[in-house]
Amino acid sequence: MLGLSLDVWITMLFCVVAFFGVSIWVLVYTLWQEDTKLALFKTEGDLDTYSPRALRDLRRWIEIQPDPPPPDVNEARALYNDCVETLKTTDRHFYEWSAAEIERLDPL
């Protein structure tokens, strides 16, 4: 068998199948998520850009910045406020947001 032992061929075959199997699964999952986002965007006209945890982390990061804040803070604040507005004006969301979580959100 071309000079390689059986265990080498089996290992190589396993690695190829595992690599392509995982790659194809990730591709299909990503395309499914993007299709879901596109459908939401078409029906709602906007899309929430952050998960609940990511939005909490962004708010915490904005709040701990020193005075005067670095230039990135203004951009982060605008992105945060845009996400909050989107969550409050749309009925369906990509990320798992509860009505109570959305109600507690305030723009910065």
N, C-alpha and C. Protein backbone atom coordinates (compact mmCIF):
# COMPACT_ATOMS: atom_id res chain seq x y z
N MET A 1 0.84 -1.20 0.00
CA MET A 1 0.00 0.00 0.00
C MET A 1 0.87 1.25 0.00
N LEU A 2 1.61 1.41 -1.02
CA LEU A 2 2.44 2.59 -1.21
C LEU A 2 3.44 2.82 -0.10
N GLY A 3 3.84 1.79 0.57
CA GLY A 3 4.89 1.91 1.56
C GLY A 3 4.42 2.37 2.95
N LEU A 4 3.15 2.62 3.13
CA LEU A 4 2.66 3.06 4.45
C LEU A 4 1.91 1.92 5.11
N SER A 5 2.03 1.83 6.41
CA SER A 5 1.35 0.77 7.12
C SER A 5 -0.15 1.07 7.24
N LEU A 6 -0.90 0.06 7.58
CA LEU A 6 -2.36 0.17 7.67
C LEU A 6 -2.78 1.20 8.71
N ASP A 7 -2.10 1.22 9.86
CA ASP A 7 -2.50 2.17 10.90
C ASP A 7 -2.26 3.62 10.46
N VAL A 8 -1.26 3.87 9.64
CA VAL A 8 -1.03 5.21 9.11
C VAL A 8 -2.15 5.61 8.17
N TRP A 9 -2.56 4.68 7.29
CA TRP A 9 -3.67 4.96 6.37
C TRP A 9 -4.96 5.21 7.13
N ILE A 10 -5.23 4.43 8.14
CA ILE A 10 -6.46 4.61 8.94
C ILE A 10 -6.43 5.96 9.65
N THR A 11 -5.29 6.31 10.23
CA THR A 11 -5.16 7.60 10.90
C THR A 11 -5.35 8.75 9.92
N MET A 12 -4.73 8.63 8.74
CA MET A 12 -4.87 9.68 7.74
C MET A 12 -6.31 9.79 7.27
N LEU A 13 -6.96 8.70 7.02
CA LEU A 13 -8.36 8.70 6.60
C LEU A 13 -9.24 9.33 7.67
N PHE A 14 -9.02 8.96 8.94
CA PHE A 14 -9.78 9.55 10.03
C PHE A 14 -9.59 11.06 10.09
N CYS A 15 -8.36 11.52 9.96
CA CYS A 15 -8.08 12.96 10.00
C CYS A 15 -8.77 13.70 8.86
N VAL A 16 -8.74 13.13 7.66
CA VAL A 16 -9.38 13.77 6.51
C VAL A 16 -10.89 13.83 6.72
N VAL A 17 -11.49 12.72 7.14
CA VAL A 17 -12.94 12.69 7.37
C VAL A 17 -13.32 13.65 8.50
N ALA A 18 -12.55 13.66 9.57
CA ALA A 18 -12.85 14.56 10.69
C ALA A 18 -12.73 16.01 10.26
N PHE A 19 -11.68 16.35 9.53
CA PHE A 19 -11.49 17.73 9.09
C PHE A 19 -12.63 18.18 8.19
N PHE A 20 -12.92 17.39 7.15
CA PHE A 20 -13.97 17.80 6.23
C PHE A 20 -15.36 17.70 6.87
N GLY A 21 -15.56 16.73 7.74
CA GLY A 21 -16.85 16.62 8.43
C GLY A 21 -17.14 17.83 9.29
N VAL A 22 -16.17 18.21 10.09
CA VAL A 22 -16.32 19.39 10.95
C VAL A 22 -16.45 20.65 10.11
N SER A 23 -15.65 20.77 9.07
CA SER A 23 -15.70 21.96 8.21
C SER A 23 -17.06 22.10 7.54
N ILE A 24 -17.59 21.02 7.02
CA ILE A 24 -18.90 21.07 6.36
C ILE A 24 -20.00 21.37 7.37
N TRP A 25 -19.94 20.77 8.56
CA TRP A 25 -20.94 21.04 9.59
C TRP A 25 -20.92 22.52 9.98
N VAL A 26 -19.74 23.09 10.18
CA VAL A 26 -19.62 24.50 10.55
C VAL A 26 -20.15 25.39 9.43
N LEU A 27 -19.85 25.05 8.20
CA LEU A 27 -20.35 25.83 7.06
C LEU A 27 -21.87 25.79 7.00
N VAL A 28 -22.46 24.62 7.13
CA VAL A 28 -23.93 24.50 7.08
C VAL A 28 -24.56 25.27 8.24
N TYR A 29 -24.00 25.14 9.44
CA TYR A 29 -24.54 25.84 10.61
C TYR A 29 -24.45 27.35 10.42
N THR A 30 -23.34 27.84 9.91
CA THR A 30 -23.17 29.28 9.68
C THR A 30 -24.14 29.78 8.63
N LEU A 31 -24.30 29.04 7.56
CA LEU A 31 -25.26 29.44 6.52
C LEU A 31 -26.69 29.44 7.04
N TRP A 32 -27.03 28.48 7.90
CA TRP A 32 -28.36 28.45 8.52
C TRP A 32 -28.57 29.70 9.38
N GLN A 33 -27.56 30.07 10.17
CA GLN A 33 -27.67 31.28 10.99
C GLN A 33 -27.83 32.53 10.12
N GLU A 34 -27.07 32.62 9.05
CA GLU A 34 -27.17 33.78 8.17
C GLU A 34 -28.52 33.83 7.47
N ASP A 35 -29.08 32.68 7.13
CA ASP A 35 -30.40 32.64 6.52
C ASP A 35 -31.46 33.12 7.52
N THR A 36 -31.31 32.71 8.77
CA THR A 36 -32.23 33.17 9.82
C THR A 36 -32.12 34.68 10.00
N LYS A 37 -30.91 35.20 10.03
CA LYS A 37 -30.72 36.64 10.16
C LYS A 37 -31.33 37.39 8.99
N LEU A 38 -31.14 36.88 7.78
CA LEU A 38 -31.70 37.53 6.59
C LEU A 38 -33.22 37.54 6.63
N ALA A 39 -33.83 36.43 7.03
CA ALA A 39 -35.29 36.37 7.14
C ALA A 39 -35.79 37.38 8.18
N LEU A 40 -35.10 37.48 9.31
CA LEU A 40 -35.47 38.46 10.33
C LEU A 40 -35.33 39.88 9.80
N PHE A 41 -34.24 40.12 9.09
CA PHE A 41 -34.01 41.46 8.55
C PHE A 41 -35.09 41.83 7.54
N LYS A 42 -35.50 40.86 6.74
CA LYS A 42 -36.55 41.14 5.75
C LYS A 42 -37.89 41.44 6.40
N THR A 43 -38.22 40.72 7.48
CA THR A 43 -39.52 40.93 8.12
C THR A 43 -39.52 42.10 9.11
N GLU A 44 -38.43 42.28 9.82
CA GLU A 44 -38.38 43.31 10.86
C GLU A 44 -37.77 44.63 10.37
N GLY A 45 -36.95 44.57 9.34
CA GLY A 45 -36.31 45.77 8.84
C GLY A 45 -35.03 46.14 9.58
N ASP A 46 -34.73 45.43 10.65
CA ASP A 46 -33.52 45.67 11.43
C ASP A 46 -33.18 44.39 12.17
N LEU A 47 -31.98 44.32 12.73
CA LEU A 47 -31.52 43.10 13.37
C LEU A 47 -30.72 43.44 14.62
N ASP A 48 -31.00 42.74 15.72
CA ASP A 48 -30.21 42.96 16.93
C ASP A 48 -28.79 42.48 16.68
N THR A 49 -27.84 43.30 17.06
CA THR A 49 -26.45 43.02 16.73
C THR A 49 -25.66 42.37 17.86
N TYR A 50 -26.22 42.36 19.07
CA TYR A 50 -25.49 41.80 20.21
C TYR A 50 -26.39 40.86 21.00
N SER A 51 -25.76 39.83 21.56
CA SER A 51 -26.47 38.94 22.47
C SER A 51 -26.61 39.67 23.81
N PRO A 52 -27.46 39.16 24.71
CA PRO A 52 -27.58 39.81 26.02
C PRO A 52 -26.25 39.94 26.76
N ARG A 53 -25.45 38.89 26.74
CA ARG A 53 -24.16 38.93 27.44
C ARG A 53 -23.22 39.94 26.79
N ALA A 54 -23.16 39.95 25.45
CA ALA A 54 -22.27 40.87 24.75
C ALA A 54 -22.68 42.32 24.99
N LEU A 55 -23.97 42.59 25.02
CA LEU A 55 -24.43 43.96 25.26
C LEU A 55 -24.12 44.39 26.69
N ARG A 56 -24.27 43.47 27.66
CA ARG A 56 -23.89 43.79 29.05
C ARG A 56 -22.40 44.07 29.14
N ASP A 57 -21.58 43.27 28.48
CA ASP A 57 -20.13 43.47 28.48
C ASP A 57 -19.77 44.81 27.84
N LEU A 58 -20.43 45.15 26.74
CA LEU A 58 -20.16 46.42 26.07
C LEU A 58 -20.52 47.59 26.98
N ARG A 59 -21.65 47.50 27.65
CA ARG A 59 -22.05 48.58 28.56
C ARG A 59 -21.05 48.73 29.69
N ARG A 60 -20.63 47.60 30.27
CA ARG A 60 -19.64 47.64 31.35
C ARG A 60 -18.34 48.28 30.88
N TRP A 61 -17.91 47.92 29.67
CA TRP A 61 -16.67 48.48 29.13
C TRP A 61 -16.81 49.98 28.94
N ILE A 62 -17.94 50.43 28.43
CA ILE A 62 -18.15 51.87 28.23
C ILE A 62 -18.14 52.60 29.57
N GLU A 63 -18.78 52.03 30.56
CA GLU A 63 -18.90 52.69 31.86
C GLU A 63 -17.59 52.78 32.62
N ILE A 64 -16.64 51.88 32.38
CA ILE A 64 -15.39 51.92 33.16
C ILE A 64 -14.30 52.74 32.48
N GLN A 65 -14.59 53.33 31.35
CA GLN A 65 -13.57 54.12 30.65
C GLN A 65 -13.27 55.41 31.42
N PRO A 66 -12.02 55.85 31.40
CA PRO A 66 -11.62 57.04 32.15
C PRO A 66 -12.16 58.32 31.51
N ASP A 67 -12.08 59.40 32.27
CA ASP A 67 -12.47 60.71 31.76
C ASP A 67 -11.22 61.47 31.39
N PRO A 68 -11.04 62.05 30.28
CA PRO A 68 -11.93 62.00 29.11
C PRO A 68 -11.82 60.65 28.45
N PRO A 69 -12.94 60.16 27.87
CA PRO A 69 -12.93 58.82 27.28
C PRO A 69 -12.14 58.76 25.97
N PRO A 70 -11.57 57.61 25.67
CA PRO A 70 -10.88 57.44 24.39
C PRO A 70 -11.88 57.55 23.23
N PRO A 71 -11.41 57.80 22.03
CA PRO A 71 -12.31 57.97 20.88
C PRO A 71 -13.20 56.75 20.60
N ASP A 72 -12.73 55.57 20.93
CA ASP A 72 -13.52 54.36 20.68
C ASP A 72 -14.81 54.33 21.49
N VAL A 73 -14.84 55.01 22.61
CA VAL A 73 -16.01 54.98 23.49
C VAL A 73 -17.22 55.59 22.79
N ASN A 74 -17.04 56.66 22.05
CA ASN A 74 -18.18 57.27 21.36
C ASN A 74 -18.76 56.31 20.32
N GLU A 75 -17.91 55.61 19.60
CA GLU A 75 -18.40 54.63 18.63
C GLU A 75 -19.11 53.48 19.33
N ALA A 76 -18.52 53.00 20.44
CA ALA A 76 -19.14 51.91 21.20
C ALA A 76 -20.48 52.34 21.76
N ARG A 77 -20.58 53.56 22.26
CA ARG A 77 -21.84 54.08 22.79
C ARG A 77 -22.90 54.13 21.69
N ALA A 78 -22.51 54.57 20.49
CA ALA A 78 -23.46 54.62 19.37
C ALA A 78 -23.93 53.22 18.99
N LEU A 79 -23.02 52.26 18.97
CA LEU A 79 -23.40 50.88 18.66
C LEU A 79 -24.32 50.31 19.73
N TYR A 80 -24.04 50.60 20.99
CA TYR A 80 -24.87 50.14 22.09
C TYR A 80 -26.28 50.72 21.96
N ASN A 81 -26.36 52.03 21.76
CA ASN A 81 -27.66 52.69 21.65
C ASN A 81 -28.45 52.19 20.44
N ASP A 82 -27.75 51.92 19.35
CA ASP A 82 -28.42 51.39 18.16
C ASP A 82 -29.03 50.02 18.44
N CYS A 83 -28.30 49.18 19.15
CA CYS A 83 -28.81 47.85 19.48
C CYS A 83 -30.01 47.96 20.42
N VAL A 84 -29.94 48.83 21.41
CA VAL A 84 -31.05 49.02 22.34
C VAL A 84 -32.29 49.49 21.59
N GLU A 85 -32.12 50.45 20.70
CA GLU A 85 -33.25 50.96 19.92
C GLU A 85 -33.85 49.85 19.05
N THR A 86 -33.00 49.07 18.42
CA THR A 86 -33.47 47.96 17.59
C THR A 86 -34.27 46.96 18.42
N LEU A 87 -33.77 46.62 19.58
CA LEU A 87 -34.46 45.67 20.44
C LEU A 87 -35.83 46.18 20.87
N LYS A 88 -35.93 47.47 21.13
CA LYS A 88 -37.19 48.04 21.60
C LYS A 88 -38.20 48.26 20.47
N THR A 89 -37.71 48.35 19.22
CA THR A 89 -38.63 48.63 18.11
C THR A 89 -38.96 47.42 17.25
N THR A 90 -38.34 46.27 17.50
CA THR A 90 -38.64 45.07 16.72
C THR A 90 -39.32 44.03 17.60
N ASP A 91 -40.09 43.16 16.97
CA ASP A 91 -40.83 42.14 17.72
C ASP A 91 -40.07 40.82 17.82
N ARG A 92 -39.31 40.49 16.80
CA ARG A 92 -38.56 39.24 16.78
C ARG A 92 -37.07 39.55 16.79
N HIS A 93 -36.31 38.69 17.48
CA HIS A 93 -34.88 38.92 17.64
C HIS A 93 -34.09 37.66 17.32
N PHE A 94 -32.87 37.84 16.84
CA PHE A 94 -32.00 36.70 16.54
C PHE A 94 -31.50 36.05 17.81
N TYR A 95 -31.04 36.85 18.75
CA TYR A 95 -30.54 36.33 20.01
C TYR A 95 -31.69 36.15 20.99
N GLU A 96 -31.48 35.33 22.00
CA GLU A 96 -32.53 35.02 22.98
C GLU A 96 -32.67 36.16 23.99
N TRP A 97 -33.56 37.08 23.72
CA TRP A 97 -33.83 38.20 24.61
C TRP A 97 -35.20 38.01 25.24
N SER A 98 -35.29 38.18 26.55
CA SER A 98 -36.60 38.14 27.20
C SER A 98 -37.17 39.56 27.20
N ALA A 99 -38.47 39.64 27.33
CA ALA A 99 -39.13 40.95 27.37
C ALA A 99 -38.63 41.76 28.56
N ALA A 100 -38.37 41.10 29.68
CA ALA A 100 -37.89 41.80 30.88
C ALA A 100 -36.49 42.38 30.64
N GLU A 101 -35.63 41.63 29.97
CA GLU A 101 -34.28 42.13 29.67
C GLU A 101 -34.34 43.37 28.78
N ILE A 102 -35.20 43.32 27.78
CA ILE A 102 -35.32 44.45 26.86
C ILE A 102 -35.90 45.65 27.58
N GLU A 103 -36.85 45.41 28.46
CA GLU A 103 -37.48 46.51 29.20
C GLU A 103 -36.47 47.22 30.11
N ARG A 104 -35.50 46.49 30.65
CA ARG A 104 -34.50 47.08 31.55
C ARG A 104 -33.44 47.90 30.83
N LEU A 105 -33.33 47.75 29.52
CA LEU A 105 -32.28 48.44 28.77
C LEU A 105 -32.58 49.93 28.65
N ASP A 106 -31.57 50.72 28.87
CA ASP A 106 -31.66 52.17 28.69
C ASP A 106 -30.50 52.61 27.80
N PRO A 107 -30.76 53.58 26.92
CA PRO A 107 -29.65 54.11 26.11
C PRO A 107 -28.64 54.82 26.99
N LEU A 108 -27.42 54.90 26.51
CA LEU A 108 -26.35 55.60 27.25
C LEU A 108 -26.25 57.03 26.76
